[in-house]
Structure formats: C-alpha cells, structure tokens
Amino acid sequence: MIDRKTYNSISYSISIVGSLQDGKYRGCVVNSLQQLTSSSPAKFAVTLNKYNLTEAAVEQTGAFCATVAAADCPHDIINLFGYKSGRITDKFAAYDTKTDDAGCPYITDGMCARLSFRVVQQVDLDSAVLFIAEVTEAKILKDGGALTVDAFKNAGKEVPPNAPIYRTLDEHYGYRCSVCGYVHKSDTLPDDFRCPVCKQPASKFEKL
C-alpha cells in the first residue's frame, strides 16, 4: 500500500525557472530544484513537466536560470508563472526582466536568490524530464529566506498543477488540461467544456 499523504511530510522551496525557446523567454514555477553535490562546480537537479514550454526551452538551449521565491513573494507572481500558459501570455512582460550570461531570463521582484545552470545530463521521467546541471552563476538577491510549499499551502494557496510535485488543498480533485495545465475544479466535466486558457476540448483534460 502507498499512502501518498506521506509525500507531504517533505517540503520544498518554490522557484521560477527561465530559459529561451527560439529566442522567446519562457518561464514556469517549479518546486523540484535541489542541490546534488557541493563540488566545484556544484551540481543541481530540476524536474520540468513536459506540458511546460520551459521544458522544451531548456532542452533546446541546455541552459536555464532559477530564481528562488522569497518568503514574502507576492502571490500574483506565483499565479502568473504557475497558472498562465506561455502559449498565450508573455509572463516576463510585466516585470523588469534581466538575463544571465547565457541569455536566460529572470526577474528579481519577490525573489531571494538567483542561480544559473548549464545542463550536463537529462533523464526522461515519462511526464517530466529531470535535468542535472552545473552552477555557472549564483547571487543572493534578498535576505529573509525562501518561500516553501508548506508556507504557500498554509496561506490557502494551491501549488500550480504543472509544478512537478503537485500539491493541492484537496488532493485529486478536478480535471487538468493536458495542454496548458489549467485545472477545472469540479467533480464533473461537461462534454462540451473548453479550456478557458487554451480553448482545448474536454477530451484534452485528465482527472486528478
């Protein structure tokens, strides 16, 4: 027997990963960034959902930037990068966007640290891809600690559905669009339903 609630005993920081796809800025919320080694250069791992354009961007460029959300990060930033699709929204347009040495985009608003990476290995995980990468740049942006999944949930928020480790306030509830990640919070999904974000039909939704 596997009790999935045991996974909730492990918390993670919330970060925004940014990269380039055909010259366009891509970014999404993740809660899977973790340090693997302390050797020089240090190696980290991040898992990106294949539904996200950011995953394709990291595969294309072999580089990405990760900014760690500060403990007081505005929820509007998490909502934008976690719930809006880059297929219809330029997520970076509303913020003072900077780029690292590899040209990967990042914002400093609401962030406490920035790290840039060069991918050295990747592993296919069916619905996601695990990227192992070396640190190329790192900088503290703000003191005060990071925003964790537990703190985010305790504030009455749900972790974005395309974050690799999906946590809701009421688990396995609703239907998720397999194209953009929008979650329809209902016990039922009408046959004529269309995603309000990317306009896909009900056949593109999967039950959580």
Protein backbone atom coordinates (compact mmCIF):
# COMPACT_ATOMS: atom_id res chain seq x y z
CA MET A 1 0.00 0.00 0.00
CA ILE A 2 1.21 3.50 -0.83
CA ASP A 3 -0.20 6.38 1.18
CA ARG A 4 0.51 9.45 -0.98
CA LYS A 5 -0.06 11.73 2.00
CA THR A 6 3.36 10.67 3.30
CA TYR A 7 4.89 12.75 0.48
CA ASN A 8 3.53 15.86 2.19
CA SER A 9 6.00 15.41 5.04
CA ILE A 10 8.75 16.67 2.71
CA SER A 11 8.69 20.36 1.84
CA TYR A 12 10.43 22.18 -0.99
CA SER A 13 11.26 25.74 -1.96
CA ILE A 14 9.34 27.39 -4.78
CA SER A 15 11.37 28.76 -7.69
CA ILE A 16 10.90 30.19 -11.17
CA VAL A 17 12.91 28.60 -13.98
CA GLY A 18 13.60 30.73 -17.05
CA SER A 19 15.10 29.80 -20.41
CA LEU A 20 14.92 30.58 -24.14
CA GLN A 21 12.94 28.89 -26.89
CA ASP A 22 13.57 30.17 -30.41
CA GLY A 23 14.61 33.50 -28.94
CA LYS A 24 11.48 33.82 -26.77
CA TYR A 25 11.54 34.00 -22.98
CA ARG A 26 9.95 31.01 -21.25
CA GLY A 27 9.39 30.57 -17.55
CA CYS A 28 7.45 28.45 -15.06
CA VAL A 29 7.11 27.70 -11.37
CA VAL A 30 8.89 24.62 -10.01
CA ASN A 31 9.25 23.06 -6.60
CA SER A 32 11.82 20.48 -7.66
CA LEU A 33 15.10 22.42 -7.59
CA GLN A 34 17.63 20.71 -5.34
CA GLN A 35 21.37 20.62 -4.77
CA LEU A 36 23.07 17.31 -5.51
CA THR A 37 26.75 17.99 -4.82
CA SER A 38 28.89 20.70 -3.22
CA SER A 39 31.87 20.07 -5.52
CA SER A 40 33.08 22.87 -7.76
CA PRO A 41 31.10 23.49 -9.85
CA ALA A 42 28.17 22.40 -7.70
CA LYS A 43 25.55 20.22 -9.37
CA PHE A 44 21.81 20.71 -9.01
CA ALA A 45 18.77 18.92 -10.39
CA VAL A 46 15.42 20.24 -11.54
CA THR A 47 12.40 18.39 -12.91
CA LEU A 48 10.27 20.11 -15.54
CA ASN A 49 6.85 18.99 -16.71
CA LYS A 50 6.72 18.23 -20.43
CA TYR A 51 3.50 20.26 -20.67
CA ASN A 52 5.51 23.41 -20.00
CA LEU A 53 7.17 25.33 -22.84
CA THR A 54 10.03 25.93 -20.42
CA GLU A 55 10.98 22.26 -20.57
CA ALA A 56 11.38 22.43 -24.35
CA ALA A 57 13.36 25.66 -23.98
CA VAL A 58 15.84 24.08 -21.56
CA GLU A 59 16.26 21.10 -23.91
CA GLN A 60 16.89 23.49 -26.81
CA THR A 61 19.45 25.73 -25.11
CA GLY A 62 20.97 23.43 -22.49
CA ALA A 63 20.84 26.32 -20.03
CA PHE A 64 18.43 27.83 -17.53
CA CYS A 65 18.21 30.34 -14.72
CA ALA A 66 16.39 29.65 -11.45
CA THR A 67 15.26 32.35 -9.05
CA VAL A 68 14.15 31.24 -5.61
CA ALA A 69 10.95 32.91 -4.38
CA ALA A 70 11.37 34.92 -1.19
CA ALA A 71 9.23 34.13 1.85
CA ASP A 72 7.18 37.28 1.16
CA CYS A 73 6.95 36.78 -2.61
CA PRO A 74 3.64 38.25 -3.90
CA HIS A 75 1.17 35.54 -4.82
CA ASP A 76 0.49 37.35 -8.11
CA ILE A 77 3.96 36.32 -9.30
CA ILE A 78 3.39 32.65 -8.43
CA ASN A 79 -0.04 32.76 -10.08
CA LEU A 80 1.38 34.28 -13.28
CA PHE A 81 4.30 31.89 -13.71
CA GLY A 82 2.44 28.88 -12.32
CA TYR A 83 -1.05 29.13 -13.80
CA LYS A 84 -0.71 31.14 -17.03
CA SER A 85 0.42 29.46 -20.24
CA GLY A 86 3.34 30.90 -22.17
CA ARG A 87 1.45 29.95 -25.32
CA ILE A 88 -0.87 32.90 -24.81
CA THR A 89 0.91 35.16 -22.28
CA ASP A 90 4.35 36.78 -22.15
CA LYS A 91 4.95 36.12 -18.46
CA PHE A 92 8.01 38.36 -18.26
CA ALA A 93 6.40 41.42 -19.88
CA ALA A 94 5.03 42.87 -16.63
CA TYR A 95 8.39 42.81 -14.83
CA ASP A 96 11.87 44.27 -15.15
CA THR A 97 13.38 41.24 -16.84
CA LYS A 98 17.12 40.65 -16.75
CA THR A 99 19.23 37.96 -18.44
CA ASP A 100 22.21 35.95 -17.28
CA ASP A 101 25.39 35.35 -19.27
CA ALA A 102 23.65 32.62 -21.31
CA GLY A 103 20.72 34.91 -22.16
CA CYS A 104 18.27 33.12 -19.85
CA PRO A 105 15.60 35.47 -18.42
CA TYR A 106 14.84 36.12 -14.76
CA ILE A 107 13.05 38.61 -12.54
CA THR A 108 14.23 39.93 -9.19
CA ASP A 109 10.82 41.04 -7.87
CA GLY A 110 9.85 38.79 -4.97
CA MET A 111 12.99 36.63 -5.33
CA CYS A 112 15.68 35.94 -2.73
CA ALA A 113 18.37 34.21 -4.82
CA ARG A 114 19.41 33.59 -8.41
CA LEU A 115 21.32 30.65 -9.85
CA SER A 116 22.25 29.95 -13.47
CA PHE A 117 22.98 26.50 -14.84
CA ARG A 118 24.48 24.54 -17.72
CA VAL A 119 22.78 21.18 -18.33
CA VAL A 120 25.12 18.18 -18.24
CA GLN A 121 22.62 15.32 -18.22
CA GLN A 122 18.90 14.68 -18.62
CA VAL A 123 16.62 11.76 -17.77
CA ASP A 124 13.17 11.11 -19.26
CA LEU A 125 10.58 10.57 -16.49
CA ASP A 126 7.53 9.98 -18.71
CA SER A 127 5.51 13.13 -17.97
CA ALA A 128 8.59 15.13 -16.98
CA VAL A 129 12.31 15.49 -17.66
CA LEU A 130 14.99 15.55 -14.97
CA PHE A 131 17.83 17.94 -15.77
CA ILE A 132 21.15 17.67 -13.94
CA ALA A 133 23.13 20.88 -14.29
CA GLU A 134 26.24 22.68 -13.11
CA VAL A 135 26.08 26.11 -11.50
CA THR A 136 27.58 28.87 -13.66
CA GLU A 137 26.37 31.93 -11.71
CA ALA A 138 24.89 32.47 -8.24
CA LYS A 139 23.85 35.58 -6.35
CA ILE A 140 21.83 36.46 -3.22
CA LEU A 141 19.09 38.95 -4.09
CA LYS A 142 17.37 39.43 -0.74
CA ASP A 143 17.65 38.27 2.87
CA GLY A 144 14.77 36.61 4.69
CA GLY A 145 14.58 33.04 3.47
CA ALA A 146 12.68 31.20 0.77
CA LEU A 147 9.01 30.52 0.16
CA THR A 148 8.26 26.84 0.77
CA VAL A 149 5.45 24.63 -0.45
CA ASP A 150 4.20 24.26 3.13
CA ALA A 151 4.10 28.03 3.70
CA PHE A 152 2.33 28.54 0.38
CA LYS A 153 -0.32 25.95 1.20
CA ASN A 154 -0.74 27.27 4.74
CA ALA A 155 -1.60 30.64 3.22
CA GLY A 156 -4.54 28.93 1.50
CA LYS A 157 -2.91 28.57 -1.91
CA GLU A 158 -2.55 25.57 -4.20
CA VAL A 159 0.76 24.65 -5.80
CA PRO A 160 0.43 25.16 -9.59
CA PRO A 161 -0.70 21.96 -11.33
CA ASN A 162 2.25 21.76 -13.73
CA ALA A 163 4.81 22.03 -10.95
CA PRO A 164 6.50 18.60 -10.92
CA ILE A 165 5.39 17.95 -7.33
CA TYR A 166 1.72 18.90 -7.44
CA ARG A 167 0.11 19.77 -4.09
CA THR A 168 -3.49 20.90 -3.75
CA LEU A 169 -5.53 21.81 -0.70
CA ASP A 170 -7.89 18.99 -1.65
CA GLU A 171 -5.88 16.32 -3.46
CA HIS A 172 -7.12 14.53 -6.59
CA TYR A 173 -9.96 16.95 -7.15
CA GLY A 174 -10.85 18.36 -10.55
CA TYR A 175 -9.65 17.99 -14.11
CA ARG A 176 -6.38 19.23 -15.61
CA CYS A 177 -5.85 20.40 -19.19
CA SER A 178 -3.03 18.30 -20.67
CA VAL A 179 -2.02 21.18 -22.97
CA CYS A 180 -1.68 24.24 -20.71
CA GLY A 181 -2.15 22.83 -17.19
CA TYR A 182 -5.32 24.74 -16.27
CA VAL A 183 -7.28 22.95 -13.53
CA HIS A 184 -11.09 22.90 -13.62
CA LYS A 185 -12.20 22.49 -10.01
CA SER A 186 -15.31 20.33 -10.28
CA ASP A 187 -16.43 16.75 -9.79
CA THR A 188 -17.70 16.66 -13.36
CA LEU A 189 -16.54 17.89 -16.76
CA PRO A 190 -19.24 18.56 -19.40
CA ASP A 191 -18.66 17.01 -22.84
CA ASP A 192 -18.82 20.45 -24.45
CA PHE A 193 -16.39 22.04 -21.96
CA ARG A 194 -13.47 24.01 -23.39
CA CYS A 195 -10.38 25.17 -21.55
CA PRO A 196 -10.75 28.89 -20.78
CA VAL A 197 -7.00 29.35 -21.24
CA CYS A 198 -6.05 27.46 -24.42
CA LYS A 199 -9.55 26.55 -25.75
CA GLN A 200 -8.87 22.80 -25.89
CA PRO A 201 -11.90 20.44 -25.71
CA ALA A 202 -12.87 18.22 -22.79
CA SER A 203 -11.04 15.27 -24.41
CA LYS A 204 -7.75 17.00 -23.56
CA PHE A 205 -8.50 17.00 -19.81
CA GLU A 206 -7.40 14.33 -17.34
CA LYS A 207 -8.97 13.67 -13.95
CA LEU A 208 -6.75 14.43 -10.96
